[in-house]
Amino acid sequence: MNKLILATHNEHKAEEFKQILPQFRVQTLADLNYDQEITETASDLEGNSLLKADTIFRQYGHIVISDDSGLEVKALNGAPGVYSARYAGEQKDDQKNTEKLIHELKGITNRNAQFRTVITLMSSNDTLQFEGIVEGAIVHEPKGDKGFGYDPVFIPNGYQKTFAELSSNEKNKISHRANAIEKLVAFIEKNPTFC
């Protein structure tokens, strides 16, 4: 089984990747006892995803996948975007981030939003990026207790439930991360020597 290093400390994100990529042995930074925080200094998702992959690849010299994801709200000119995890401050508090978002959208009727992720695949052969998007809308109050981040306030188009009300299987079929991983897997299957 091919091994991939996933450049994250986020347990929720790691679990999603492992569920969507059962054909790979996914090792996280925790599995490698890598406890340093990778500072996300780029101004966009592409840059942060690349920064994380590069940092870990230089450390271990093994094929790495990393991602950076953000919620982009149309009425807020794409915010919180690259700052999604620290929208309400550097402490990265999901509840406070969600509360700030709801407050910012108070009285606004256009609630259209999208989750977007950029996955970087880095090996000694090359570096590639894969984008995934799921469109939807922001609800007025949180619903559901599954998922993480902004999942309780995001309803994907075509659904009546928030991401936090869907099962992990349902979410993993349509999420932004699943869309990007699907492109990643298709590439790996067509280019097995890449790994």
N, C-alpha and C. Protein backbone atom coordinates (compact mmCIF):
# COMPACT_ATOMS: atom_id res chain seq x y z
N MET A 1 0.85 -1.20 0.00
CA MET A 1 0.00 0.00 0.00
C MET A 1 0.88 1.24 0.00
N ASN A 2 0.57 2.19 -0.88
CA ASN A 2 1.35 3.42 -0.95
C ASN A 2 1.15 4.27 0.29
N LYS A 3 2.24 4.87 0.75
CA LYS A 3 2.18 5.73 1.93
C LYS A 3 2.20 7.18 1.49
N LEU A 4 1.36 7.98 2.10
CA LEU A 4 1.34 9.42 1.89
C LEU A 4 1.48 10.11 3.23
N ILE A 5 2.25 11.17 3.29
CA ILE A 5 2.29 12.00 4.49
C ILE A 5 1.30 13.13 4.29
N LEU A 6 0.39 13.29 5.23
CA LEU A 6 -0.58 14.37 5.20
C LEU A 6 -0.11 15.47 6.14
N ALA A 7 0.19 16.63 5.58
CA ALA A 7 0.79 17.71 6.36
C ALA A 7 -0.26 18.48 7.14
N THR A 8 -0.76 17.86 8.21
CA THR A 8 -1.74 18.54 9.06
C THR A 8 -1.65 18.05 10.50
N HIS A 9 -2.04 18.94 11.41
CA HIS A 9 -2.23 18.58 12.82
C HIS A 9 -3.73 18.45 13.13
N ASN A 10 -4.57 18.77 12.15
CA ASN A 10 -6.01 18.80 12.34
C ASN A 10 -6.58 17.38 12.27
N GLU A 11 -7.03 16.86 13.40
CA GLU A 11 -7.53 15.48 13.48
C GLU A 11 -8.78 15.27 12.63
N HIS A 12 -9.67 16.28 12.60
CA HIS A 12 -10.90 16.17 11.81
C HIS A 12 -10.57 16.05 10.32
N LYS A 13 -9.66 16.90 9.87
CA LYS A 13 -9.24 16.89 8.48
C LYS A 13 -8.56 15.56 8.13
N ALA A 14 -7.70 15.09 9.03
CA ALA A 14 -7.00 13.82 8.81
C ALA A 14 -7.99 12.67 8.67
N GLU A 15 -9.03 12.67 9.50
CA GLU A 15 -10.03 11.61 9.45
C GLU A 15 -10.76 11.63 8.11
N GLU A 16 -11.09 12.82 7.61
CA GLU A 16 -11.74 12.93 6.31
C GLU A 16 -10.86 12.36 5.21
N PHE A 17 -9.59 12.73 5.22
CA PHE A 17 -8.66 12.23 4.20
C PHE A 17 -8.57 10.70 4.26
N LYS A 18 -8.46 10.16 5.47
CA LYS A 18 -8.32 8.71 5.61
C LYS A 18 -9.57 7.97 5.12
N GLN A 19 -10.75 8.55 5.37
CA GLN A 19 -11.99 7.93 4.93
C GLN A 19 -12.11 7.96 3.40
N ILE A 20 -11.66 9.06 2.80
CA ILE A 20 -11.79 9.22 1.35
C ILE A 20 -10.67 8.51 0.60
N LEU A 21 -9.54 8.25 1.27
CA LEU A 21 -8.38 7.62 0.63
C LEU A 21 -8.03 6.27 1.27
N PRO A 22 -8.96 5.31 1.29
CA PRO A 22 -8.67 4.04 1.97
C PRO A 22 -7.57 3.23 1.29
N GLN A 23 -7.27 3.55 0.03
CA GLN A 23 -6.25 2.78 -0.70
C GLN A 23 -4.83 3.22 -0.35
N PHE A 24 -4.71 4.26 0.48
CA PHE A 24 -3.39 4.74 0.88
C PHE A 24 -3.22 4.63 2.39
N ARG A 25 -1.98 4.47 2.80
CA ARG A 25 -1.66 4.53 4.23
C ARG A 25 -1.29 5.98 4.51
N VAL A 26 -2.24 6.70 5.07
CA VAL A 26 -2.06 8.13 5.32
C VAL A 26 -1.45 8.34 6.70
N GLN A 27 -0.27 8.95 6.72
CA GLN A 27 0.39 9.29 7.98
C GLN A 27 0.27 10.79 8.21
N THR A 28 -0.15 11.16 9.39
CA THR A 28 -0.28 12.58 9.73
C THR A 28 0.99 13.05 10.44
N LEU A 29 1.05 14.34 10.70
CA LEU A 29 2.19 14.89 11.43
C LEU A 29 2.25 14.32 12.84
N ALA A 30 1.09 14.03 13.42
CA ALA A 30 1.07 13.42 14.76
C ALA A 30 1.69 12.02 14.72
N ASP A 31 1.39 11.27 13.64
CA ASP A 31 1.97 9.93 13.49
C ASP A 31 3.50 9.99 13.42
N LEU A 32 4.00 11.11 12.89
CA LEU A 32 5.45 11.29 12.73
C LEU A 32 6.08 12.01 13.92
N ASN A 33 5.27 12.30 14.93
CA ASN A 33 5.72 13.06 16.10
C ASN A 33 6.30 14.42 15.72
N TYR A 34 5.74 15.01 14.67
CA TYR A 34 6.14 16.35 14.23
C TYR A 34 5.18 17.33 14.89
N ASP A 35 5.65 18.02 15.92
CA ASP A 35 4.74 18.86 16.70
C ASP A 35 4.90 20.35 16.45
N GLN A 36 5.72 20.73 15.48
CA GLN A 36 5.89 22.15 15.19
C GLN A 36 4.69 22.67 14.39
N GLU A 37 4.32 23.90 14.64
CA GLU A 37 3.23 24.54 13.90
C GLU A 37 3.81 25.12 12.62
N ILE A 38 3.19 24.83 11.49
CA ILE A 38 3.63 25.42 10.22
C ILE A 38 2.87 26.72 10.04
N THR A 39 3.59 27.83 10.09
CA THR A 39 2.96 29.15 10.00
C THR A 39 2.45 29.40 8.59
N GLU A 40 1.16 29.72 8.51
CA GLU A 40 0.53 29.96 7.21
C GLU A 40 0.62 31.44 6.89
N THR A 41 1.61 31.82 6.10
CA THR A 41 1.88 33.23 5.83
C THR A 41 1.47 33.68 4.44
N ALA A 42 1.01 32.75 3.61
CA ALA A 42 0.63 33.11 2.24
C ALA A 42 -0.69 33.88 2.22
N SER A 43 -0.93 34.58 1.12
CA SER A 43 -2.13 35.42 1.01
C SER A 43 -3.29 34.69 0.34
N ASP A 44 -3.08 33.43 -0.06
CA ASP A 44 -4.16 32.67 -0.67
C ASP A 44 -4.03 31.19 -0.31
N LEU A 45 -5.10 30.43 -0.60
CA LEU A 45 -5.13 29.01 -0.27
C LEU A 45 -4.03 28.24 -0.99
N GLU A 46 -3.79 28.59 -2.26
CA GLU A 46 -2.76 27.91 -3.04
C GLU A 46 -1.39 28.04 -2.36
N GLY A 47 -1.08 29.25 -1.92
CA GLY A 47 0.21 29.51 -1.29
C GLY A 47 0.39 28.78 0.02
N ASN A 48 -0.64 28.78 0.86
CA ASN A 48 -0.54 28.08 2.15
C ASN A 48 -0.43 26.58 1.98
N SER A 49 -1.18 26.03 1.03
CA SER A 49 -1.11 24.59 0.77
C SER A 49 0.30 24.20 0.31
N LEU A 50 0.86 25.01 -0.57
CA LEU A 50 2.22 24.75 -1.06
C LEU A 50 3.25 24.88 0.05
N LEU A 51 3.09 25.89 0.88
CA LEU A 51 4.03 26.13 1.99
C LEU A 51 4.09 24.93 2.93
N LYS A 52 2.92 24.38 3.26
CA LYS A 52 2.86 23.23 4.17
C LYS A 52 3.52 21.99 3.54
N ALA A 53 3.20 21.75 2.27
CA ALA A 53 3.78 20.59 1.60
C ALA A 53 5.29 20.70 1.51
N ASP A 54 5.77 21.88 1.16
CA ASP A 54 7.21 22.10 0.99
C ASP A 54 7.95 21.91 2.32
N THR A 55 7.37 22.43 3.40
CA THR A 55 8.00 22.31 4.72
C THR A 55 8.19 20.85 5.10
N ILE A 56 7.16 20.04 4.92
CA ILE A 56 7.21 18.63 5.32
C ILE A 56 8.04 17.80 4.34
N PHE A 57 7.97 18.12 3.06
CA PHE A 57 8.78 17.37 2.09
C PHE A 57 10.27 17.58 2.36
N ARG A 58 10.65 18.81 2.68
CA ARG A 58 12.06 19.09 2.99
C ARG A 58 12.51 18.33 4.23
N GLN A 59 11.59 18.14 5.17
CA GLN A 59 11.92 17.45 6.42
C GLN A 59 12.08 15.94 6.22
N TYR A 60 11.17 15.33 5.43
CA TYR A 60 11.12 13.87 5.35
C TYR A 60 11.49 13.30 3.98
N GLY A 61 11.45 14.11 2.93
CA GLY A 61 11.83 13.64 1.60
C GLY A 61 10.92 12.56 1.05
N HIS A 62 9.68 12.50 1.58
CA HIS A 62 8.72 11.50 1.13
C HIS A 62 7.50 12.21 0.55
N ILE A 63 6.79 11.55 -0.34
CA ILE A 63 5.62 12.16 -0.98
C ILE A 63 4.65 12.72 0.07
N VAL A 64 4.22 13.96 -0.18
CA VAL A 64 3.40 14.70 0.79
C VAL A 64 2.14 15.24 0.11
N ILE A 65 1.03 15.18 0.84
CA ILE A 65 -0.15 15.93 0.42
C ILE A 65 -0.49 16.91 1.53
N SER A 66 -0.92 18.07 1.13
CA SER A 66 -1.34 19.08 2.10
C SER A 66 -2.51 19.82 1.50
N ASP A 67 -3.29 20.46 2.33
CA ASP A 67 -4.36 21.26 1.77
C ASP A 67 -4.54 22.52 2.59
N ASP A 68 -5.14 23.48 1.95
CA ASP A 68 -5.64 24.64 2.68
C ASP A 68 -7.04 24.87 2.17
N SER A 69 -7.95 25.09 3.08
CA SER A 69 -9.36 25.24 2.73
C SER A 69 -9.90 26.52 3.34
N GLY A 70 -10.93 27.04 2.69
CA GLY A 70 -11.55 28.24 3.23
C GLY A 70 -13.00 28.35 2.81
N LEU A 71 -13.76 29.08 3.61
CA LEU A 71 -15.14 29.40 3.28
C LEU A 71 -15.15 30.78 2.64
N GLU A 72 -15.71 30.87 1.45
CA GLU A 72 -15.75 32.14 0.73
C GLU A 72 -17.19 32.59 0.58
N VAL A 73 -17.52 33.71 1.24
CA VAL A 73 -18.90 34.20 1.27
C VAL A 73 -19.02 35.38 0.31
N LYS A 74 -19.97 35.27 -0.62
CA LYS A 74 -20.10 36.27 -1.69
C LYS A 74 -20.34 37.68 -1.14
N ALA A 75 -21.25 37.81 -0.20
CA ALA A 75 -21.59 39.14 0.33
C ALA A 75 -20.45 39.77 1.12
N LEU A 76 -19.47 38.96 1.52
CA LEU A 76 -18.32 39.46 2.28
C LEU A 76 -17.07 39.52 1.39
N ASN A 77 -17.30 39.61 0.07
CA ASN A 77 -16.20 39.70 -0.89
C ASN A 77 -15.19 38.55 -0.76
N GLY A 78 -15.73 37.35 -0.49
CA GLY A 78 -14.87 36.18 -0.41
C GLY A 78 -14.31 35.88 0.96
N ALA A 79 -14.59 36.73 1.94
CA ALA A 79 -14.15 36.47 3.32
C ALA A 79 -15.04 35.36 3.90
N PRO A 80 -14.55 34.64 4.91
CA PRO A 80 -13.23 34.73 5.52
C PRO A 80 -12.08 34.17 4.69
N GLY A 81 -12.37 33.32 3.69
CA GLY A 81 -11.35 32.87 2.76
C GLY A 81 -10.14 32.24 3.41
N VAL A 82 -8.96 32.77 3.04
CA VAL A 82 -7.71 32.20 3.54
C VAL A 82 -7.59 32.35 5.07
N TYR A 83 -8.38 33.25 5.65
CA TYR A 83 -8.34 33.47 7.10
C TYR A 83 -9.45 32.72 7.83
N SER A 84 -10.06 31.73 7.19
CA SER A 84 -11.21 31.03 7.78
C SER A 84 -10.94 30.46 9.16
N ALA A 85 -9.79 29.83 9.36
CA ALA A 85 -9.49 29.19 10.65
C ALA A 85 -9.25 30.20 11.76
N ARG A 86 -8.81 31.40 11.40
CA ARG A 86 -8.52 32.42 12.41
C ARG A 86 -9.32 33.71 12.18
N TYR A 87 -10.53 33.54 11.70
CA TYR A 87 -11.41 34.68 11.39
C TYR A 87 -11.68 35.53 12.62
N ALA A 88 -11.87 34.88 13.77
CA ALA A 88 -12.17 35.61 15.00
C ALA A 88 -10.93 35.76 15.89
N GLY A 89 -9.75 35.42 15.36
CA GLY A 89 -8.52 35.55 16.15
C GLY A 89 -7.59 34.37 15.97
N GLU A 90 -6.36 34.55 16.42
CA GLU A 90 -5.32 33.54 16.23
C GLU A 90 -5.56 32.24 16.99
N GLN A 91 -6.50 32.24 17.95
CA GLN A 91 -6.75 31.03 18.74
C GLN A 91 -7.46 29.95 17.95
N LYS A 92 -7.92 30.26 16.73
CA LYS A 92 -8.57 29.27 15.85
C LYS A 92 -9.73 28.57 16.56
N ASP A 93 -10.69 29.34 17.02
CA ASP A 93 -11.85 28.84 17.75
C ASP A 93 -13.03 28.72 16.78
N ASP A 94 -13.45 27.48 16.49
CA ASP A 94 -14.53 27.24 15.53
C ASP A 94 -15.81 27.99 15.90
N GLN A 95 -16.18 27.94 17.18
CA GLN A 95 -17.44 28.56 17.61
C GLN A 95 -17.38 30.07 17.45
N LYS A 96 -16.26 30.68 17.83
CA LYS A 96 -16.14 32.14 17.72
C LYS A 96 -16.09 32.57 16.26
N ASN A 97 -15.44 31.77 15.43
CA ASN A 97 -15.40 32.08 13.99
C ASN A 97 -16.81 32.07 13.41
N THR A 98 -17.59 31.06 13.79
CA THR A 98 -18.96 30.93 13.29
C THR A 98 -19.82 32.07 13.79
N GLU A 99 -19.67 32.42 15.06
CA GLU A 99 -20.45 33.52 15.63
C GLU A 99 -20.13 34.84 14.92
N LYS A 100 -18.87 35.06 14.62
CA LYS A 100 -18.48 36.29 13.91
C LYS A 100 -19.10 36.31 12.51
N LEU A 101 -19.07 35.16 11.83
CA LEU A 101 -19.64 35.08 10.48
C LEU A 101 -21.13 35.40 10.50
N ILE A 102 -21.87 34.80 11.43
CA ILE A 102 -23.31 35.05 11.55
C ILE A 102 -23.56 36.54 11.81
N HIS A 103 -22.75 37.13 12.68
CA HIS A 103 -22.89 38.56 12.99
C HIS A 103 -22.64 39.42 11.76
N GLU A 104 -21.60 39.09 11.00
CA GLU A 104 -21.24 39.87 9.80
C GLU A 104 -22.35 39.80 8.75
N LEU A 105 -23.11 38.71 8.74
CA LEU A 105 -24.16 38.52 7.72
C LEU A 105 -25.55 38.96 8.20
N LYS A 106 -25.61 39.54 9.39
CA LYS A 106 -26.89 39.97 9.94
C LYS A 106 -27.54 40.99 9.01
N GLY A 107 -28.78 40.71 8.63
CA GLY A 107 -29.51 41.62 7.76
C GLY A 107 -29.19 41.50 6.28
N ILE A 108 -28.27 40.61 5.93
CA ILE A 108 -27.89 40.42 4.52
C ILE A 108 -28.68 39.25 3.95
N THR A 109 -29.35 39.48 2.82
CA THR A 109 -30.19 38.43 2.24
C THR A 109 -29.39 37.48 1.34
N ASN A 110 -28.35 37.97 0.69
CA ASN A 110 -27.53 37.11 -0.16
C ASN A 110 -26.59 36.30 0.74
N ARG A 111 -26.91 35.03 0.92
CA ARG A 111 -26.13 34.17 1.82
C ARG A 111 -25.29 33.16 1.03
N ASN A 112 -25.14 33.39 -0.28
CA ASN A 112 -24.38 32.46 -1.11
C ASN A 112 -22.93 32.36 -0.66
N ALA A 113 -22.43 31.13 -0.67
CA ALA A 113 -21.05 30.90 -0.23
C ALA A 113 -20.52 29.63 -0.89
N GLN A 114 -19.23 29.45 -0.80
CA GLN A 114 -18.64 28.20 -1.26
C GLN A 114 -17.48 27.82 -0.36
N PHE A 115 -17.33 26.52 -0.15
CA PHE A 115 -16.13 26.00 0.47
C PHE A 115 -15.17 25.68 -0.68
N ARG A 116 -13.92 26.07 -0.53
CA ARG A 116 -12.92 25.78 -1.55
C ARG A 116 -11.68 25.21 -0.89
N THR A 117 -11.11 24.19 -1.48
CA THR A 117 -9.87 23.62 -0.97
C THR A 117 -8.87 23.50 -2.10
N VAL A 118 -7.60 23.63 -1.76
CA VAL A 118 -6.51 23.42 -2.71
C VAL A 118 -5.58 22.39 -2.08
N ILE A 119 -5.45 21.25 -2.76
CA ILE A 119 -4.55 20.18 -2.30
C ILE A 119 -3.26 20.25 -3.11
N THR A 120 -2.14 20.19 -2.40
CA THR A 120 -0.84 20.12 -3.06
C THR A 120 -0.30 18.70 -2.92
N LEU A 121 0.18 18.17 -4.02
CA LEU A 121 0.84 16.86 -4.05
C LEU A 121 2.29 17.12 -4.42
N MET A 122 3.20 16.76 -3.53
CA MET A 122 4.62 17.03 -3.77
C MET A 122 5.44 15.76 -3.63
N SER A 123 6.25 15.49 -4.62
CA SER A 123 7.20 14.39 -4.55
C SER A 123 8.50 14.86 -5.18
N SER A 124 9.47 13.98 -5.25
CA SER A 124 10.74 14.35 -5.87
C SER A 124 10.57 14.55 -7.37
N ASN A 125 9.46 14.05 -7.92
CA ASN A 125 9.19 14.18 -9.35
C ASN A 125 8.63 15.53 -9.75
N ASP A 126 7.68 16.04 -8.95
CA ASP A 126 6.98 17.26 -9.35
C ASP A 126 6.11 17.76 -8.21
N THR A 127 5.51 18.93 -8.42
CA THR A 127 4.54 19.49 -7.48
C THR A 127 3.29 19.88 -8.27
N LEU A 128 2.15 19.39 -7.81
CA LEU A 128 0.88 19.67 -8.50
C LEU A 128 -0.15 20.13 -7.48
N GLN A 129 -1.17 20.88 -7.98
CA GLN A 129 -2.26 21.31 -7.10
C GLN A 129 -3.60 20.95 -7.72
N PHE A 130 -4.55 20.62 -6.84
CA PHE A 130 -5.89 20.20 -7.25
C PHE A 130 -6.91 21.00 -6.44
N GLU A 131 -7.88 21.60 -7.14
CA GLU A 131 -8.88 22.44 -6.47
C GLU A 131 -10.21 21.72 -6.38
N GLY A 132 -10.89 21.90 -5.26
CA GLY A 132 -12.24 21.37 -5.09
C GLY A 132 -13.15 22.46 -4.53
N ILE A 133 -14.37 22.52 -5.04
CA ILE A 133 -15.33 23.55 -4.62
C ILE A 133 -16.69 22.90 -4.39
N VAL A 134 -17.38 23.32 -3.34
CA VAL A 134 -18.80 22.98 -3.17
C VAL A 134 -19.53 24.27 -2.85
N GLU A 135 -20.59 24.54 -3.62
CA GLU A 135 -21.36 25.77 -3.44
C GLU A 135 -22.56 25.54 -2.56
N GLY A 136 -22.98 26.61 -1.89
CA GLY A 136 -24.12 26.50 -0.99
C GLY A 136 -24.49 27.85 -0.42
N ALA A 137 -25.02 27.84 0.80
CA ALA A 137 -25.46 29.08 1.44
C ALA A 137 -25.27 28.98 2.95
N ILE A 138 -25.19 30.15 3.58
CA ILE A 138 -25.02 30.23 5.04
C ILE A 138 -26.39 30.38 5.70
N VAL A 139 -26.67 29.52 6.67
CA VAL A 139 -27.94 29.60 7.41
C VAL A 139 -27.82 30.64 8.52
N HIS A 140 -28.95 30.97 9.14
CA HIS A 140 -28.97 32.04 10.14
C HIS A 140 -28.51 31.59 11.51
N GLU A 141 -28.58 30.30 11.77
CA GLU A 141 -28.09 29.79 13.06
C GLU A 141 -27.55 28.37 12.87
N PRO A 142 -26.56 27.99 13.68
CA PRO A 142 -25.94 26.67 13.53
C PRO A 142 -26.92 25.52 13.72
N LYS A 143 -26.74 24.48 12.91
CA LYS A 143 -27.57 23.28 13.02
C LYS A 143 -26.68 22.05 12.84
N GLY A 144 -26.86 21.06 13.72
CA GLY A 144 -26.11 19.82 13.62
C GLY A 144 -24.87 19.81 14.49
N ASP A 145 -24.40 18.59 14.80
CA ASP A 145 -23.25 18.46 15.70
C ASP A 145 -22.13 17.61 15.10
N LYS A 146 -22.20 17.36 13.80
CA LYS A 146 -21.13 16.60 13.15
C LYS A 146 -20.19 17.59 12.46
N GLY A 147 -19.09 17.06 11.93
CA GLY A 147 -18.17 17.91 11.19
C GLY A 147 -17.39 18.85 12.09
N PHE A 148 -16.89 19.92 11.50
CA PHE A 148 -16.08 20.90 12.24
C PHE A 148 -16.08 22.22 11.48
N GLY A 149 -15.46 23.22 12.08
CA GLY A 149 -15.37 24.52 11.41
C GLY A 149 -16.74 25.14 11.19
N TYR A 150 -16.99 25.55 9.95
CA TYR A 150 -18.25 26.22 9.60
C TYR A 150 -19.33 25.25 9.16
N ASP A 151 -19.11 23.95 9.32
CA ASP A 151 -20.07 22.95 8.87
C ASP A 151 -21.49 23.18 9.39
N PRO A 152 -21.67 23.64 10.66
CA PRO A 152 -23.04 23.82 11.17
C PRO A 152 -23.83 24.96 10.51
N VAL A 153 -23.16 25.83 9.75
CA VAL A 153 -23.89 26.96 9.15
C VAL A 153 -23.88 26.92 7.62
N PHE A 154 -23.35 25.86 7.03
CA PHE A 154 -23.26 25.76 5.57
C PHE A 154 -24.16 24.66 5.03
N ILE A 155 -25.12 25.05 4.16
CA ILE A 155 -25.97 24.08 3.48
C ILE A 155 -25.52 23.99 2.03
N PRO A 156 -25.06 22.82 1.58
CA PRO A 156 -24.66 22.68 0.18
C PRO A 156 -25.87 22.74 -0.74
N ASN A 157 -25.68 23.26 -1.93
CA ASN A 157 -26.77 23.34 -2.91
C ASN A 157 -27.37 21.97 -3.15
N GLY A 158 -28.72 21.93 -3.21
CA GLY A 158 -29.43 20.68 -3.46
C GLY A 158 -29.77 19.91 -2.20
N TYR A 159 -29.38 20.44 -1.04
CA TYR A 159 -29.63 19.77 0.24
C TYR A 159 -30.46 20.67 1.16
N GLN A 160 -31.12 20.04 2.12
CA GLN A 160 -31.89 20.78 3.12
C GLN A 160 -31.19 20.78 4.47
N LYS A 161 -30.04 20.12 4.54
CA LYS A 161 -29.31 19.99 5.80
C LYS A 161 -27.93 20.65 5.69
N THR A 162 -27.42 21.10 6.84
CA THR A 162 -26.06 21.63 6.87
C THR A 162 -25.06 20.48 6.81
N PHE A 163 -23.80 20.81 6.54
CA PHE A 163 -22.75 19.80 6.56
C PHE A 163 -22.72 19.09 7.91
N ALA A 164 -23.03 19.82 8.99
CA ALA A 164 -22.96 19.24 10.34
C ALA A 164 -24.14 18.32 10.64
N GLU A 165 -25.16 18.34 9.78
CA GLU A 165 -26.30 17.43 9.94
C GLU A 165 -26.17 16.19 9.06
N LEU A 166 -25.25 16.23 8.10
CA LEU A 166 -25.04 15.09 7.21
C LEU A 166 -24.10 14.08 7.86
N SER A 167 -24.25 12.82 7.50
CA SER A 167 -23.29 11.81 7.97
C SER A 167 -21.95 12.06 7.28
N SER A 168 -20.88 11.52 7.84
CA SER A 168 -19.56 11.71 7.22
C SER A 168 -19.55 11.12 5.82
N ASN A 169 -20.27 10.00 5.62
CA ASN A 169 -20.33 9.40 4.28
C ASN A 169 -21.01 10.33 3.28
N GLU A 170 -22.12 10.94 3.70
CA GLU A 170 -22.83 11.88 2.82
C GLU A 170 -21.95 13.08 2.49
N LYS A 171 -21.33 13.65 3.51
CA LYS A 171 -20.50 14.82 3.31
C LYS A 171 -19.30 14.49 2.42
N ASN A 172 -18.68 13.35 2.67
CA ASN A 172 -17.47 12.98 1.93
C ASN A 172 -17.72 12.69 0.45
N LYS A 173 -18.98 12.55 0.07
CA LYS A 173 -19.30 12.34 -1.35
C LYS A 173 -19.37 13.66 -2.11
N ILE A 174 -19.64 14.76 -1.40
CA ILE A 174 -19.91 16.03 -2.10
C ILE A 174 -19.00 17.18 -1.66
N SER A 175 -18.21 17.00 -0.63
CA SER A 175 -17.46 18.13 -0.07
C SER A 175 -16.39 18.65 -1.02
N HIS A 176 -15.95 19.86 -0.75
CA HIS A 176 -14.86 20.49 -1.50
C HIS A 176 -13.60 19.63 -1.43
N ARG A 177 -13.34 19.07 -0.24
CA ARG A 177 -12.16 18.23 -0.07
C ARG A 177 -12.29 16.94 -0.89
N ALA A 178 -13.49 16.36 -0.87
CA ALA A 178 -13.73 15.14 -1.66
C ALA A 178 -13.54 15.42 -3.15
N ASN A 179 -14.01 16.58 -3.61
CA ASN A 179 -13.86 16.94 -5.03
C ASN A 179 -12.40 17.05 -5.42
N ALA A 180 -11.61 17.69 -4.56
CA ALA A 180 -10.18 17.85 -4.85
C ALA A 180 -9.45 16.51 -4.76
N ILE A 181 -9.82 15.70 -3.77
CA ILE A 181 -9.18 14.39 -3.61
C ILE A 181 -9.50 13.48 -4.80
N GLU A 182 -10.72 13.60 -5.32
CA GLU A 182 -11.10 12.81 -6.50
C GLU A 182 -10.16 13.12 -7.68
N LYS A 183 -9.84 14.40 -7.86
CA LYS A 183 -8.91 14.79 -8.93
C LYS A 183 -7.50 14.28 -8.63
N LEU A 184 -7.11 14.35 -7.35
CA LEU A 184 -5.80 13.85 -6.92
C LEU A 184 -5.67 12.35 -7.20
N VAL A 185 -6.68 11.58 -6.80
CA VAL A 185 -6.65 10.13 -6.99
C VAL A 185 -6.64 9.77 -8.47
N ALA A 186 -7.43 10.48 -9.27
CA ALA A 186 -7.46 10.22 -10.72
C ALA A 186 -6.08 10.44 -11.31
N PHE A 187 -5.37 11.48 -10.85
CA PHE A 187 -4.02 11.73 -11.35
C PHE A 187 -3.07 10.60 -10.94
N ILE A 188 -3.14 10.19 -9.67
CA ILE A 188 -2.23 9.14 -9.17
C ILE A 188 -2.47 7.82 -9.91
N GLU A 189 -3.76 7.52 -10.17
CA GLU A 189 -4.08 6.27 -10.87
C GLU A 189 -3.54 6.27 -12.30
N LYS A 190 -3.55 7.45 -12.93
CA LYS A 190 -3.03 7.56 -14.30
C LYS A 190 -1.51 7.66 -14.33
N ASN A 191 -0.93 8.06 -13.20
CA ASN A 191 0.52 8.27 -13.13
C ASN A 191 1.09 7.54 -11.91
N PRO A 192 1.01 6.20 -11.87
CA PRO A 192 1.42 5.44 -10.69
C PRO A 192 2.89 5.63 -10.32
N THR A 193 3.73 5.95 -11.29
CA THR A 193 5.17 6.14 -10.98
C THR A 193 5.44 7.43 -10.25
N PHE A 194 4.44 8.33 -10.21
CA PHE A 194 4.61 9.59 -9.48
C PHE A 194 4.89 9.34 -8.01
N CYS A 195 4.22 8.32 -7.47
CA CYS A 195 4.36 7.98 -6.05
C CYS A 195 5.55 7.06 -5.82
